[in-house]
């Protein structure tokens, strides 16, 4: 009986030591998943631009915490502004629900909308080329040559941990740095 009690005590001590480590790992899962989603969206947009030989763009929406991949077929600045105005009327939930049925084909059309994980938001967006199109909305262009506008996006979770995804314009490499 004493041996059984000793085994139970050892198991409780081991569980007590491992639970905090497990909780830290679980907390960071949403941030890691969101960072991977940004990298995968970058790779998808770059691949589609090269395969279709047309420009593709990613719209980062820091208010709705979404990434939207759009196809840009010979769109002028006016076409892009009309698309952004029409898109601005939708809520993030409508866009995520509508991702199975993208917007009608035109000069600018939605291919995919992806929301960040619950509790993760876009904290900061930096780029020498990309300017804020509208309040909290950033348009990153991918060209048919495989190049894109250089940018970095910082993701922040509810525990104030952050991950920064940096994309090189020429090589197309995406690097993730965690704080």
C-alpha atoms as a PDB file:
ATOM      1  CA  UNK A   1       0.000   0.000   0.000  1.00  0.00           C
ATOM      2  CA  UNK A   2       2.870   2.336   0.838  1.00  0.00           C
ATOM      3  CA  UNK A   3       4.477   1.647  -2.564  1.00  0.00           C
ATOM      4  CA  UNK A   4       1.215   2.432  -4.361  1.00  0.00           C
ATOM      5  CA  UNK A   5       0.890   5.705  -2.452  1.00  0.00           C
ATOM      6  CA  UNK A   6       4.489   6.588  -3.377  1.00  0.00           C
ATOM      7  CA  UNK A   7       3.812   5.908  -7.091  1.00  0.00           C
ATOM      8  CA  UNK A   8       0.685   8.109  -7.011  1.00  0.00           C
ATOM      9  CA  UNK A   9       2.641  10.913  -5.310  1.00  0.00           C
ATOM     10  CA  UNK A  10       5.393  10.732  -7.947  1.00  0.00           C
ATOM     11  CA  UNK A  11       2.801  10.845 -10.735  1.00  0.00           C
ATOM     12  CA  UNK A  12       1.129  13.907  -9.176  1.00  0.00           C
ATOM     13  CA  UNK A  13       4.472  15.709  -8.896  1.00  0.00           C
ATOM     14  CA  UNK A  14       5.306  14.905 -12.531  1.00  0.00           C
ATOM     15  CA  UNK A  15       1.871  16.137 -13.666  1.00  0.00           C
ATOM     16  CA  UNK A  16       2.262  19.313 -11.602  1.00  0.00           C
ATOM     17  CA  UNK A  17       5.574  20.062 -13.287  1.00  0.00           C
ATOM     18  CA  UNK A  18       4.366  19.351 -16.832  1.00  0.00           C
ATOM     19  CA  UNK A  19       1.032  21.231 -16.792  1.00  0.00           C
ATOM     20  CA  UNK A  20       2.568  24.765 -16.942  1.00  0.00           C
ATOM     21  CA  UNK A  21       4.694  23.729 -19.911  1.00  0.00           C
ATOM     22  CA  UNK A  22       1.656  22.280 -21.657  1.00  0.00           C
ATOM     23  CA  UNK A  23      -0.343  25.480 -21.040  1.00  0.00           C
ATOM     24  CA  UNK A  24       2.417  27.676 -22.540  1.00  0.00           C
ATOM     25  CA  UNK A  25       2.486  25.436 -25.587  1.00  0.00           C
ATOM     26  CA  UNK A  26      -1.290  25.537 -25.947  1.00  0.00           C
ATOM     27  CA  UNK A  27      -1.389  29.355 -25.632  1.00  0.00           C
ATOM     28  CA  UNK A  28       1.027  29.809 -28.528  1.00  0.00           C
ATOM     29  CA  UNK A  29      -0.817  27.434 -30.871  1.00  0.00           C
ATOM     30  CA  UNK A  30      -3.189  30.074 -32.266  1.00  0.00           C
ATOM     31  CA  UNK A  31      -0.323  32.469 -32.957  1.00  0.00           C
ATOM     32  CA  UNK A  32       1.748  29.786 -34.693  1.00  0.00           C
ATOM     33  CA  UNK A  33      -1.249  28.694 -36.764  1.00  0.00           C
ATOM     34  CA  UNK A  34      -1.966  32.273 -37.840  1.00  0.00           C
ATOM     35  CA  UNK A  35       1.689  32.870 -38.773  1.00  0.00           C
ATOM     36  CA  UNK A  36       1.619  29.692 -40.887  1.00  0.00           C
ATOM     37  CA  UNK A  37      -1.604  30.921 -42.527  1.00  0.00           C
ATOM     38  CA  UNK A  38       0.113  34.180 -43.554  1.00  0.00           C
ATOM     39  CA  UNK A  39       3.069  32.256 -44.989  1.00  0.00           C
ATOM     40  CA  UNK A  40       0.775  29.845 -46.849  1.00  0.00           C
ATOM     41  CA  UNK A  41      -1.304  32.729 -48.245  1.00  0.00           C
ATOM     42  CA  UNK A  42       1.935  34.354 -49.437  1.00  0.00           C
ATOM     43  CA  UNK A  43       3.039  31.136 -51.152  1.00  0.00           C
ATOM     44  CA  UNK A  44      -0.389  30.601 -52.706  1.00  0.00           C
ATOM     45  CA  UNK A  45      -0.570  34.171 -54.056  1.00  0.00           C
ATOM     46  CA  UNK A  46       2.938  33.946 -55.497  1.00  0.00           C
ATOM     47  CA  UNK A  47       2.257  30.573 -57.127  1.00  0.00           C
ATOM     48  CA  UNK A  48      -1.052  31.745 -58.627  1.00  0.00           C
ATOM     49  CA  UNK A  49       0.580  34.879 -60.041  1.00  0.00           C
ATOM     50  CA  UNK A  50       3.232  32.785 -61.785  1.00  0.00           C
ATOM     51  CA  UNK A  51       0.889  29.997 -62.940  1.00  0.00           C
ATOM     52  CA  UNK A  52      -1.826  32.299 -64.268  1.00  0.00           C
ATOM     53  CA  UNK A  53       0.680  34.885 -65.543  1.00  0.00           C
ATOM     54  CA  UNK A  54      -1.401  37.652 -64.027  1.00  0.00           C
ATOM     55  CA  UNK A  55      -1.112  39.853 -60.987  1.00  0.00           C
ATOM     56  CA  UNK A  56      -2.507  38.630 -57.681  1.00  0.00           C
ATOM     57  CA  UNK A  57      -2.829  40.582 -54.452  1.00  0.00           C
ATOM     58  CA  UNK A  58      -3.297  39.895 -50.760  1.00  0.00           C
ATOM     59  CA  UNK A  59      -5.417  42.313 -48.778  1.00  0.00           C
ATOM     60  CA  UNK A  60      -4.554  42.356 -45.093  1.00  0.00           C
ATOM     61  CA  UNK A  61      -7.458  43.746 -43.081  1.00  0.00           C
ATOM     62  CA  UNK A  62      -6.341  44.717 -39.586  1.00  0.00           C
ATOM     63  CA  UNK A  63      -9.880  45.574 -38.463  1.00  0.00           C
ATOM     64  CA  UNK A  64     -11.454  42.263 -39.473  1.00  0.00           C
ATOM     65  CA  UNK A  65      -8.242  40.231 -39.014  1.00  0.00           C
ATOM     66  CA  UNK A  66      -8.545  38.571 -42.392  1.00  0.00           C
ATOM     67  CA  UNK A  67      -6.378  37.938 -45.443  1.00  0.00           C
ATOM     68  CA  UNK A  68      -8.072  38.066 -48.807  1.00  0.00           C
ATOM     69  CA  UNK A  69      -6.414  36.807 -51.981  1.00  0.00           C
ATOM     70  CA  UNK A  70      -7.646  38.540 -55.111  1.00  0.00           C
ATOM     71  CA  UNK A  71      -6.938  38.055 -58.782  1.00  0.00           C
ATOM     72  CA  UNK A  72      -6.032  41.280 -60.585  1.00  0.00           C
ATOM     73  CA  UNK A  73      -6.445  40.992 -64.353  1.00  0.00           C
ATOM     74  CA  UNK A  74      -5.371  44.258 -65.987  1.00  0.00           C
ATOM     75  CA  UNK A  75      -7.124  46.296 -63.315  1.00  0.00           C
ATOM     76  CA  UNK A  76      -6.714  50.024 -63.221  1.00  0.00           C
ATOM     77  CA  UNK A  77      -6.540  52.123 -60.075  1.00  0.00           C
ATOM     78  CA  UNK A  78     -10.277  52.884 -60.454  1.00  0.00           C
ATOM     79  CA  UNK A  79     -11.132  49.160 -60.664  1.00  0.00           C
ATOM     80  CA  UNK A  80      -9.141  48.520 -57.498  1.00  0.00           C
ATOM     81  CA  UNK A  81     -10.870  51.385 -55.669  1.00  0.00           C
ATOM     82  CA  UNK A  82     -14.313  50.130 -56.772  1.00  0.00           C
ATOM     83  CA  UNK A  83     -13.407  46.656 -55.503  1.00  0.00           C
ATOM     84  CA  UNK A  84     -12.230  48.059 -52.170  1.00  0.00           C
ATOM     85  CA  UNK A  85     -15.408  50.147 -51.804  1.00  0.00           C
ATOM     86  CA  UNK A  86     -17.638  47.132 -52.538  1.00  0.00           C
ATOM     87  CA  UNK A  87     -15.608  44.959 -50.180  1.00  0.00           C
ATOM     88  CA  UNK A  88     -15.734  47.555 -47.402  1.00  0.00           C
ATOM     89  CA  UNK A  89     -19.512  47.126 -47.144  1.00  0.00           C
ATOM     90  CA  UNK A  90     -19.189  43.475 -46.093  1.00  0.00           C
ATOM     91  CA  UNK A  91     -18.483  42.274 -42.608  1.00  0.00           C
ATOM     92  CA  UNK A  92     -15.654  39.851 -41.929  1.00  0.00           C
ATOM     93  CA  UNK A  93     -18.173  37.086 -41.164  1.00  0.00           C
ATOM     94  CA  UNK A  94     -19.905  37.545 -44.527  1.00  0.00           C
ATOM     95  CA  UNK A  95     -16.578  37.350 -46.334  1.00  0.00           C
ATOM     96  CA  UNK A  96     -15.525  34.170 -44.575  1.00  0.00           C
ATOM     97  CA  UNK A  97     -18.959  32.648 -45.285  1.00  0.00           C
ATOM     98  CA  UNK A  98     -18.706  33.714 -48.938  1.00  0.00           C
ATOM     99  CA  UNK A  99     -15.245  32.228 -49.489  1.00  0.00           C
ATOM    100  CA  UNK A 100     -16.716  29.081 -51.039  1.00  0.00           C
ATOM    101  CA  UNK A 101     -18.351  31.280 -53.690  1.00  0.00           C
ATOM    102  CA  UNK A 102     -15.845  34.010 -54.654  1.00  0.00           C
ATOM    103  CA  UNK A 103     -16.921  37.329 -56.089  1.00  0.00           C
ATOM    104  CA  UNK A 104     -17.924  37.414 -59.743  1.00  0.00           C
ATOM    105  CA  UNK A 105     -15.092  37.525 -62.241  1.00  0.00           C
ATOM    106  CA  UNK A 106     -14.045  40.991 -63.287  1.00  0.00           C
ATOM    107  CA  UNK A 107     -10.878  43.038 -63.341  1.00  0.00           C
ATOM    108  CA  UNK A 108     -10.492  42.355 -59.605  1.00  0.00           C
ATOM    109  CA  UNK A 109     -12.108  39.277 -58.083  1.00  0.00           C
ATOM    110  CA  UNK A 110     -11.815  37.451 -54.767  1.00  0.00           C
ATOM    111  CA  UNK A 111     -10.259  33.994 -54.853  1.00  0.00           C
ATOM    112  CA  UNK A 112      -9.996  33.193 -51.152  1.00  0.00           C
ATOM    113  CA  UNK A 113     -10.656  34.775 -47.753  1.00  0.00           C
ATOM    114  CA  UNK A 114      -8.975  33.465 -44.634  1.00  0.00           C
ATOM    115  CA  UNK A 115      -9.534  34.687 -41.092  1.00  0.00           C
ATOM    116  CA  UNK A 116      -6.796  34.634 -38.490  1.00  0.00           C
ATOM    117  CA  UNK A 117      -7.240  32.361 -35.484  1.00  0.00           C
ATOM    118  CA  UNK A 118      -9.486  33.493 -32.637  1.00  0.00           C
ATOM    119  CA  UNK A 119      -7.589  35.849 -30.327  1.00  0.00           C
ATOM    120  CA  UNK A 120      -4.924  36.770 -32.910  1.00  0.00           C
ATOM    121  CA  UNK A 121      -4.879  40.178 -34.571  1.00  0.00           C
ATOM    122  CA  UNK A 122      -2.717  42.107 -37.007  1.00  0.00           C
ATOM    123  CA  UNK A 123      -0.650  44.391 -34.797  1.00  0.00           C
ATOM    124  CA  UNK A 124       1.517  46.192 -37.324  1.00  0.00           C
ATOM    125  CA  UNK A 125       2.112  46.216 -41.056  1.00  0.00           C
ATOM    126  CA  UNK A 126       5.246  47.678 -42.649  1.00  0.00           C
ATOM    127  CA  UNK A 127       6.312  48.000 -46.250  1.00  0.00           C
ATOM    128  CA  UNK A 128       8.386  50.490 -48.241  1.00  0.00           C
ATOM    129  CA  UNK A 129       5.953  50.187 -51.193  1.00  0.00           C
ATOM    130  CA  UNK A 130       2.574  49.350 -49.726  1.00  0.00           C
ATOM    131  CA  UNK A 131       0.484  52.180 -48.395  1.00  0.00           C
ATOM    132  CA  UNK A 132      -2.665  51.933 -46.362  1.00  0.00           C
ATOM    133  CA  UNK A 133      -5.463  51.845 -48.899  1.00  0.00           C
ATOM    134  CA  UNK A 134      -8.200  52.423 -46.400  1.00  0.00           C
ATOM    135  CA  UNK A 135      -8.424  52.393 -42.658  1.00  0.00           C
ATOM    136  CA  UNK A 136      -6.537  49.235 -41.639  1.00  0.00           C
ATOM    137  CA  UNK A 137      -6.524  47.664 -45.123  1.00  0.00           C
ATOM    138  CA  UNK A 138      -3.260  46.885 -46.939  1.00  0.00           C
ATOM    139  CA  UNK A 139      -2.909  45.783 -50.574  1.00  0.00           C
ATOM    140  CA  UNK A 140       0.204  43.684 -51.350  1.00  0.00           C
ATOM    141  CA  UNK A 141       0.788  42.997 -55.024  1.00  0.00           C
ATOM    142  CA  UNK A 142       2.304  39.796 -56.460  1.00  0.00           C
ATOM    143  CA  UNK A 143       3.569  39.991 -60.028  1.00  0.00           C
ATOM    144  CA  UNK A 144       3.590  37.351 -62.758  1.00  0.00           C
ATOM    145  CA  UNK A 145       7.404  37.289 -62.577  1.00  0.00           C
ATOM    146  CA  UNK A 146       7.208  35.772 -59.070  1.00  0.00           C
ATOM    147  CA  UNK A 147       8.180  38.978 -57.306  1.00  0.00           C
ATOM    148  CA  UNK A 148       6.032  40.841 -54.808  1.00  0.00           C
ATOM    149  CA  UNK A 149       6.000  44.015 -52.758  1.00  0.00           C
ATOM    150  CA  UNK A 150       8.288  43.624 -49.745  1.00  0.00           C
ATOM    151  CA  UNK A 151       6.415  43.640 -46.441  1.00  0.00           C
ATOM    152  CA  UNK A 152       6.330  42.477 -42.860  1.00  0.00           C
ATOM    153  CA  UNK A 153       3.237  41.823 -40.795  1.00  0.00           C
ATOM    154  CA  UNK A 154       3.213  41.459 -37.032  1.00  0.00           C
ATOM    155  CA  UNK A 155       0.607  39.187 -35.455  1.00  0.00           C
ATOM    156  CA  UNK A 156      -0.247  39.593 -31.780  1.00  0.00           C
ATOM    157  CA  UNK A 157      -2.240  37.156 -29.645  1.00  0.00           C
ATOM    158  CA  UNK A 158      -4.366  37.781 -26.565  1.00  0.00           C
ATOM    159  CA  UNK A 159      -1.353  37.106 -24.298  1.00  0.00           C
ATOM    160  CA  UNK A 160       0.670  39.870 -26.044  1.00  0.00           C
ATOM    161  CA  UNK A 161       3.012  37.353 -27.663  1.00  0.00           C
ATOM    162  CA  UNK A 162       3.906  38.268 -31.221  1.00  0.00           C
ATOM    163  CA  UNK A 163       5.106  36.731 -34.457  1.00  0.00           C
ATOM    164  CA  UNK A 164       6.491  38.779 -37.331  1.00  0.00           C
ATOM    165  CA  UNK A 165       6.309  37.439 -40.876  1.00  0.00           C
ATOM    166  CA  UNK A 166       8.847  39.123 -43.178  1.00  0.00           C
ATOM    167  CA  UNK A 167       8.630  38.604 -46.939  1.00  0.00           C
ATOM    168  CA  UNK A 168      11.496  39.413 -49.313  1.00  0.00           C
ATOM    169  CA  UNK A 169      10.351  40.951 -52.587  1.00  0.00           C
ATOM    170  CA  UNK A 170      12.909  39.356 -54.892  1.00  0.00           C
ATOM    171  CA  UNK A 171      13.440  35.846 -53.532  1.00  0.00           C
ATOM    172  CA  UNK A 172       9.892  35.477 -52.196  1.00  0.00           C
ATOM    173  CA  UNK A 173      11.169  33.912 -48.984  1.00  0.00           C
ATOM    174  CA  UNK A 174       8.977  34.334 -45.916  1.00  0.00           C
ATOM    175  CA  UNK A 175      10.649  34.285 -42.519  1.00  0.00           C
ATOM    176  CA  UNK A 176       8.777  34.063 -39.208  1.00  0.00           C
ATOM    177  CA  UNK A 177      10.251  35.494 -36.012  1.00  0.00           C
ATOM    178  CA  UNK A 178       8.574  34.882 -32.636  1.00  0.00           C
ATOM    179  CA  UNK A 179       8.855  37.107 -29.558  1.00  0.00           C
END
